[in-house]
Structure formats: structure tokens, C-alpha cells
Protein backbone atom coordinates (compact mmCIF):
# COMPACT_ATOMS: atom_id res chain seq x y z
CA MET A 1 15.57 -26.58 17.49
CA LEU A 2 16.48 -23.05 16.09
CA TYR A 3 19.40 -22.74 13.61
CA THR A 4 20.25 -19.00 13.10
CA VAL A 5 23.29 -16.73 12.83
CA VAL A 6 21.47 -14.04 15.04
CA PRO A 7 22.82 -13.97 18.66
CA ILE A 8 20.47 -15.91 21.01
CA ASP A 9 20.09 -12.73 23.17
CA ASP A 10 18.49 -11.01 20.14
CA VAL A 11 16.23 -13.92 19.36
CA LEU A 12 14.86 -14.17 22.86
CA GLU A 13 14.67 -10.24 23.49
CA GLY A 14 11.15 -9.32 24.83
CA MET A 15 9.99 -12.95 25.56
CA GLU A 16 9.52 -12.15 29.20
CA GLU A 17 7.36 -9.17 28.55
CA GLU A 18 3.57 -9.27 28.65
CA PRO A 19 1.93 -8.70 25.19
CA ALA A 20 -0.01 -5.55 24.75
CA PRO A 21 -3.74 -6.03 25.09
CA THR A 22 -5.57 -6.41 21.83
CA MET A 23 -9.05 -6.44 20.61
CA GLU A 24 -10.93 -7.51 17.36
CA LEU A 25 -12.92 -4.86 15.74
CA ILE A 26 -14.47 -4.32 12.34
CA VAL A 27 -13.22 -1.03 10.89
CA GLY A 28 -14.22 -0.09 7.23
CA GLY A 29 -15.79 -3.37 6.84
CA VAL A 30 -12.56 -5.38 7.64
CA LEU A 31 -12.09 -7.49 10.75
CA MET A 32 -8.73 -6.50 12.42
CA GLU A 33 -6.81 -7.27 15.55
CA LEU A 34 -6.02 -3.87 17.08
CA GLU A 35 -4.02 -2.48 19.90
CA PRO A 36 -5.68 0.44 21.61
CA GLN A 37 -3.96 3.70 21.63
CA GLY A 38 -6.68 5.77 23.29
CA ASP A 39 -9.17 8.56 22.00
CA PHE A 40 -10.74 6.01 19.59
CA GLN A 41 -7.45 5.19 17.89
CA ALA A 42 -5.75 1.83 17.63
CA LYS A 43 -2.69 0.34 15.87
CA VAL A 44 -3.30 -2.46 13.40
CA VAL A 45 -1.76 -5.72 14.76
CA ARG A 46 -3.07 -7.88 12.01
CA ILE A 47 -5.90 -8.24 9.54
CA ILE A 48 -8.34 -11.20 9.83
CA SER A 49 -9.99 -11.34 6.35
CA SER A 50 -10.54 -13.88 3.52
CA ASP A 51 -10.41 -11.11 0.90
CA PRO A 52 -7.11 -10.58 -0.66
CA GLN A 53 -7.92 -6.97 -1.53
CA ASP A 54 -8.04 -6.08 2.28
CA TYR A 55 -4.35 -6.86 2.57
CA LEU A 56 -3.35 -4.59 -0.26
CA ALA A 57 -5.01 -1.39 1.19
CA SER A 58 -2.33 0.84 2.79
CA GLN A 59 -4.80 1.94 5.55
CA HIS A 60 -4.96 -1.57 6.78
CA GLN A 61 -1.33 -2.33 6.96
CA PRO A 62 0.07 -3.65 10.26
CA GLY A 63 1.43 -0.83 12.34
CA SER A 64 -0.85 1.83 10.80
CA ILE A 65 -3.18 3.74 13.14
CA VAL A 66 -6.93 3.56 12.50
CA ARG A 67 -9.78 5.64 14.04
CA TRP A 68 -13.41 4.59 14.63
CA THR A 69 -16.37 6.52 15.79
């Protein structure tokens, strides 16, 4: 059961869409889940790390773009 003041249409928006393909990759020594953007670039979806310092680095924030070679 979900109790919210947000309209149900807003809550369920996007539920029928397929999620974007992701991959796990180590970038800069940090394991991340990334959404490929092409040309060796990807958007950070989430960080998979046990080191709290990895979550504080601005280049690892979800939504930021990372490059690998």
C-alpha cells in the first residue's frame, strides 16, 4: 500500500518503459553501474563501493558523465 499526496499518474509514470541497458565497470578504481552514452562515455547510475569516500567524490555522483579509455 502506498500513501502519498502525489497523484497516482505521477507515481506510476514511466513504469511501462523498458529500463536503459547498464553495465558495471571499474572507473578510477571505483566499481560503478553505468549507462553507456557512446564514444567511451557513460552516465553514472550508481556507485557500488564499500568506501564512503567514493560517494563524496563529485566525479562519481549519479548523473555525471565519465570517460574511460
